[in-house]
Amino acid sequence: MKQPIRTLFVLLVFMCYGSLSACSWMDRFASPPLEPIPMTDIKATAGTWEGIMVRSPATRSDDWVTLRIREDGMYHFESIRTIGVFSGSGQFTLEDGKLFARSSRGTITAQLHRHVGQDDHILKAEGTTSDGITYRAQLTPKRP
């Protein structure tokens, strides 16, 4: 009777040790922190951006979103879901180094970022609908 308990205990210790080792191994591959890039021209964000959009409060799985921004600040976004397409368009303005848009349906703020010490670009966007639902996305330039 003592042997199965001892075997179970040893197995649990090895599993915990393996889990801790895996976590420390993953930390070595974590991306560097993001730093904001103040924008002086909307043209810096012109192009197609894409990534995961998260809804809060969460009522379903996250959605893939595509955001197209023209050099004049006009934008169009769309997210294709099983229940239909969620989309919108409008005009971004530049305020305090960030993109900003307001309509009767809500507001969107977007800030350009990069990983510390790297030249990549990430567009972090947050939108709030007029009924209080928040959407957040961390977008990267679409690759051809």
C-alpha atoms as a PDB file:
ATOM      1  CA  MET A   1       0.000   0.000   0.000  1.00  0.00           C
ATOM      2  CA  LYS A   2       2.869   2.388   0.784  1.00  0.00           C
ATOM      3  CA  GLN A   3       4.577   1.785  -2.587  1.00  0.00           C
ATOM      4  CA  PRO A   4       1.689   3.140  -4.750  1.00  0.00           C
ATOM      5  CA  ILE A   5       1.438   6.281  -2.581  1.00  0.00           C
ATOM      6  CA  ARG A   6       5.203   6.841  -2.780  1.00  0.00           C
ATOM      7  CA  THR A   7       5.126   6.331  -6.554  1.00  0.00           C
ATOM      8  CA  LEU A   8       2.247   8.789  -6.896  1.00  0.00           C
ATOM      9  CA  PHE A   9       4.079  11.361  -4.747  1.00  0.00           C
ATOM     10  CA  VAL A  10       7.285  11.056  -6.814  1.00  0.00           C
ATOM     11  CA  LEU A  11       5.271  11.377 -10.012  1.00  0.00           C
ATOM     12  CA  LEU A  12       3.560  14.553  -8.741  1.00  0.00           C
ATOM     13  CA  VAL A  13       6.908  16.091  -7.745  1.00  0.00           C
ATOM     14  CA  PHE A  14       8.330  15.440 -11.232  1.00  0.00           C
ATOM     15  CA  MET A  15       5.205  16.858 -12.882  1.00  0.00           C
ATOM     16  CA  CYS A  16       5.426  20.066 -10.822  1.00  0.00           C
ATOM     17  CA  TYR A  17       9.149  20.393 -11.545  1.00  0.00           C
ATOM     18  CA  GLY A  18       8.493  19.864 -15.269  1.00  0.00           C
ATOM     19  CA  SER A  19       5.758  22.514 -15.267  1.00  0.00           C
ATOM     20  CA  LEU A  20       8.030  25.059 -13.603  1.00  0.00           C
ATOM     21  CA  SER A  21      10.832  24.287 -16.051  1.00  0.00           C
ATOM     22  CA  ALA A  22       8.460  24.738 -18.982  1.00  0.00           C
ATOM     23  CA  CYS A  23       7.321  28.131 -17.672  1.00  0.00           C
ATOM     24  CA  SER A  24      10.872  29.408 -17.262  1.00  0.00           C
ATOM     25  CA  TRP A  25      11.723  28.089 -20.738  1.00  0.00           C
ATOM     26  CA  MET A  26       8.753  29.994 -22.224  1.00  0.00           C
ATOM     27  CA  ASP A  27       9.833  33.253 -20.532  1.00  0.00           C
ATOM     28  CA  ARG A  28      13.019  33.209 -22.593  1.00  0.00           C
ATOM     29  CA  PHE A  29      10.914  33.509 -25.737  1.00  0.00           C
ATOM     30  CA  ALA A  30       8.563  36.233 -24.490  1.00  0.00           C
ATOM     31  CA  SER A  31       8.519  39.284 -26.734  1.00  0.00           C
ATOM     32  CA  PRO A  32      10.077  42.524 -25.529  1.00  0.00           C
ATOM     33  CA  PRO A  33       7.740  45.148 -24.064  1.00  0.00           C
ATOM     34  CA  LEU A  34       5.956  47.587 -26.349  1.00  0.00           C
ATOM     35  CA  GLU A  35       6.759  51.287 -26.496  1.00  0.00           C
ATOM     36  CA  PRO A  36       4.439  53.870 -28.074  1.00  0.00           C
ATOM     37  CA  ILE A  37       5.466  55.722 -31.220  1.00  0.00           C
ATOM     38  CA  PRO A  38       3.944  59.213 -31.278  1.00  0.00           C
ATOM     39  CA  MET A  39       2.534  59.891 -34.753  1.00  0.00           C
ATOM     40  CA  THR A  40       2.884  63.204 -36.552  1.00  0.00           C
ATOM     41  CA  ASP A  41       1.221  62.034 -39.785  1.00  0.00           C
ATOM     42  CA  ILE A  42      -1.625  59.599 -40.468  1.00  0.00           C
ATOM     43  CA  LYS A  43       0.337  58.292 -43.456  1.00  0.00           C
ATOM     44  CA  ALA A  44       2.517  56.358 -40.964  1.00  0.00           C
ATOM     45  CA  THR A  45      -0.396  53.931 -40.492  1.00  0.00           C
ATOM     46  CA  ALA A  46      -1.635  53.752 -44.085  1.00  0.00           C
ATOM     47  CA  GLY A  47      -2.103  50.186 -45.273  1.00  0.00           C
ATOM     48  CA  THR A  48      -3.802  46.998 -44.168  1.00  0.00           C
ATOM     49  CA  TRP A  49      -3.565  45.806 -40.576  1.00  0.00           C
ATOM     50  CA  GLU A  50      -4.896  42.564 -39.123  1.00  0.00           C
ATOM     51  CA  GLY A  51      -5.116  40.633 -35.881  1.00  0.00           C
ATOM     52  CA  ILE A  52      -7.354  39.284 -33.155  1.00  0.00           C
ATOM     53  CA  MET A  53     -10.162  41.475 -31.831  1.00  0.00           C
ATOM     54  CA  VAL A  54     -11.328  40.824 -28.271  1.00  0.00           C
ATOM     55  CA  ARG A  55     -14.782  41.838 -27.053  1.00  0.00           C
ATOM     56  CA  SER A  56     -15.509  42.897 -23.483  1.00  0.00           C
ATOM     57  CA  PRO A  57     -17.705  41.678 -21.934  1.00  0.00           C
ATOM     58  CA  ALA A  58     -16.855  38.423 -23.661  1.00  0.00           C
ATOM     59  CA  THR A  59     -19.903  36.609 -25.011  1.00  0.00           C
ATOM     60  CA  ARG A  60     -18.252  34.523 -27.714  1.00  0.00           C
ATOM     61  CA  SER A  61     -14.845  33.651 -29.112  1.00  0.00           C
ATOM     62  CA  ASP A  62     -12.485  36.353 -30.335  1.00  0.00           C
ATOM     63  CA  ASP A  63     -12.679  37.516 -33.947  1.00  0.00           C
ATOM     64  CA  TRP A  64     -10.122  38.128 -36.687  1.00  0.00           C
ATOM     65  CA  VAL A  65     -10.289  41.743 -37.847  1.00  0.00           C
ATOM     66  CA  THR A  66      -8.881  43.522 -40.887  1.00  0.00           C
ATOM     67  CA  LEU A  67      -8.415  47.291 -40.797  1.00  0.00           C
ATOM     68  CA  ARG A  68      -7.581  49.276 -43.931  1.00  0.00           C
ATOM     69  CA  ILE A  69      -6.349  52.853 -43.482  1.00  0.00           C
ATOM     70  CA  ARG A  70      -5.853  55.228 -46.393  1.00  0.00           C
ATOM     71  CA  GLU A  71      -3.261  58.009 -46.405  1.00  0.00           C
ATOM     72  CA  ASP A  72      -6.020  60.595 -45.923  1.00  0.00           C
ATOM     73  CA  GLY A  73      -7.210  58.861 -42.722  1.00  0.00           C
ATOM     74  CA  MET A  74     -10.289  57.154 -44.166  1.00  0.00           C
ATOM     75  CA  TYR A  75     -10.612  53.652 -42.708  1.00  0.00           C
ATOM     76  CA  HIS A  76     -12.707  50.523 -43.095  1.00  0.00           C
ATOM     77  CA  PHE A  77     -12.676  47.513 -40.771  1.00  0.00           C
ATOM     78  CA  GLU A  78     -14.396  44.184 -40.999  1.00  0.00           C
ATOM     79  CA  SER A  79     -14.609  41.033 -39.003  1.00  0.00           C
ATOM     80  CA  ILE A  80     -16.278  38.001 -40.515  1.00  0.00           C
ATOM     81  CA  ARG A  81     -18.109  35.869 -37.970  1.00  0.00           C
ATOM     82  CA  THR A  82     -20.352  32.844 -38.097  1.00  0.00           C
ATOM     83  CA  ILE A  83     -23.300  35.137 -37.296  1.00  0.00           C
ATOM     84  CA  GLY A  84     -22.417  37.685 -39.993  1.00  0.00           C
ATOM     85  CA  VAL A  85     -20.047  40.521 -40.749  1.00  0.00           C
ATOM     86  CA  PHE A  86     -19.177  43.192 -38.192  1.00  0.00           C
ATOM     87  CA  SER A  87     -17.840  46.218 -40.066  1.00  0.00           C
ATOM     88  CA  GLY A  88     -17.567  49.957 -40.102  1.00  0.00           C
ATOM     89  CA  SER A  89     -15.822  52.857 -41.744  1.00  0.00           C
ATOM     90  CA  GLY A  90     -15.030  56.447 -41.048  1.00  0.00           C
ATOM     91  CA  GLN A  91     -12.323  59.075 -40.849  1.00  0.00           C
ATOM     92  CA  PHE A  92      -9.389  59.051 -38.432  1.00  0.00           C
ATOM     93  CA  THR A  93      -7.975  62.308 -37.136  1.00  0.00           C
ATOM     94  CA  LEU A  94      -4.655  62.713 -35.397  1.00  0.00           C
ATOM     95  CA  GLU A  95      -4.897  63.833 -31.757  1.00  0.00           C
ATOM     96  CA  ASP A  96      -1.968  63.812 -29.323  1.00  0.00           C
ATOM     97  CA  GLY A  97       0.019  61.422 -31.544  1.00  0.00           C
ATOM     98  CA  LYS A  98      -2.840  58.886 -31.769  1.00  0.00           C
ATOM     99  CA  LEU A  99      -5.557  58.068 -34.280  1.00  0.00           C
ATOM    100  CA  PHE A 100      -9.054  58.997 -33.177  1.00  0.00           C
ATOM    101  CA  ALA A 101     -12.517  58.529 -34.691  1.00  0.00           C
ATOM    102  CA  ARG A 102     -15.998  59.247 -33.376  1.00  0.00           C
ATOM    103  CA  SER A 103     -19.425  58.420 -34.789  1.00  0.00           C
ATOM    104  CA  SER A 104     -22.937  57.859 -33.507  1.00  0.00           C
ATOM    105  CA  ARG A 105     -22.009  54.174 -33.056  1.00  0.00           C
ATOM    106  CA  GLY A 106     -18.983  54.815 -30.812  1.00  0.00           C
ATOM    107  CA  THR A 107     -15.326  55.840 -30.681  1.00  0.00           C
ATOM    108  CA  ILE A 108     -12.018  54.329 -31.771  1.00  0.00           C
ATOM    109  CA  THR A 109      -8.534  55.226 -30.530  1.00  0.00           C
ATOM    110  CA  ALA A 110      -5.406  53.667 -32.031  1.00  0.00           C
ATOM    111  CA  GLN A 111      -1.750  54.073 -31.059  1.00  0.00           C
ATOM    112  CA  LEU A 112       1.274  52.930 -33.022  1.00  0.00           C
ATOM    113  CA  HIS A 113       3.808  50.860 -31.024  1.00  0.00           C
ATOM    114  CA  ARG A 114       6.975  48.843 -31.526  1.00  0.00           C
ATOM    115  CA  HIS A 115       8.794  46.269 -29.429  1.00  0.00           C
ATOM    116  CA  VAL A 116      11.632  47.894 -27.472  1.00  0.00           C
ATOM    117  CA  GLY A 117      14.809  47.772 -29.540  1.00  0.00           C
ATOM    118  CA  GLN A 118      13.078  46.556 -32.714  1.00  0.00           C
ATOM    119  CA  ASP A 119      11.734  48.186 -35.869  1.00  0.00           C
ATOM    120  CA  ASP A 120       8.424  46.309 -36.069  1.00  0.00           C
ATOM    121  CA  HIS A 121       5.125  48.179 -35.970  1.00  0.00           C
ATOM    122  CA  ILE A 122       2.032  47.235 -34.003  1.00  0.00           C
ATOM    123  CA  LEU A 123      -1.212  49.180 -33.984  1.00  0.00           C
ATOM    124  CA  LYS A 124      -3.092  48.846 -30.702  1.00  0.00           C
ATOM    125  CA  ALA A 125      -6.720  49.868 -31.155  1.00  0.00           C
ATOM    126  CA  GLU A 126      -9.601  50.189 -28.748  1.00  0.00           C
ATOM    127  CA  GLY A 127     -13.177  50.922 -29.652  1.00  0.00           C
ATOM    128  CA  THR A 128     -16.186  51.526 -27.435  1.00  0.00           C
ATOM    129  CA  THR A 129     -19.708  51.296 -28.829  1.00  0.00           C
ATOM    130  CA  SER A 130     -22.458  53.682 -27.817  1.00  0.00           C
ATOM    131  CA  ASP A 131     -23.992  50.888 -25.710  1.00  0.00           C
ATOM    132  CA  GLY A 132     -20.757  50.360 -23.712  1.00  0.00           C
ATOM    133  CA  ILE A 133     -19.205  47.310 -25.370  1.00  0.00           C
ATOM    134  CA  THR A 134     -15.412  47.534 -25.705  1.00  0.00           C
ATOM    135  CA  TYR A 135     -13.339  45.977 -28.476  1.00  0.00           C
ATOM    136  CA  ARG A 136      -9.537  45.751 -28.331  1.00  0.00           C
ATOM    137  CA  ALA A 137      -7.104  44.620 -30.984  1.00  0.00           C
ATOM    138  CA  GLN A 138      -3.362  44.409 -31.401  1.00  0.00           C
ATOM    139  CA  LEU A 139      -2.804  44.588 -35.157  1.00  0.00           C
ATOM    140  CA  THR A 140       0.220  43.980 -37.336  1.00  0.00           C
ATOM    141  CA  PRO A 141       0.761  45.001 -40.964  1.00  0.00           C
ATOM    142  CA  LYS A 142      -0.704  42.462 -43.372  1.00  0.00           C
ATOM    143  CA  ARG A 143       1.989  40.456 -45.076  1.00  0.00           C
ATOM    144  CA  PRO A 144       1.682  40.024 -48.868  1.00  0.00           C
END
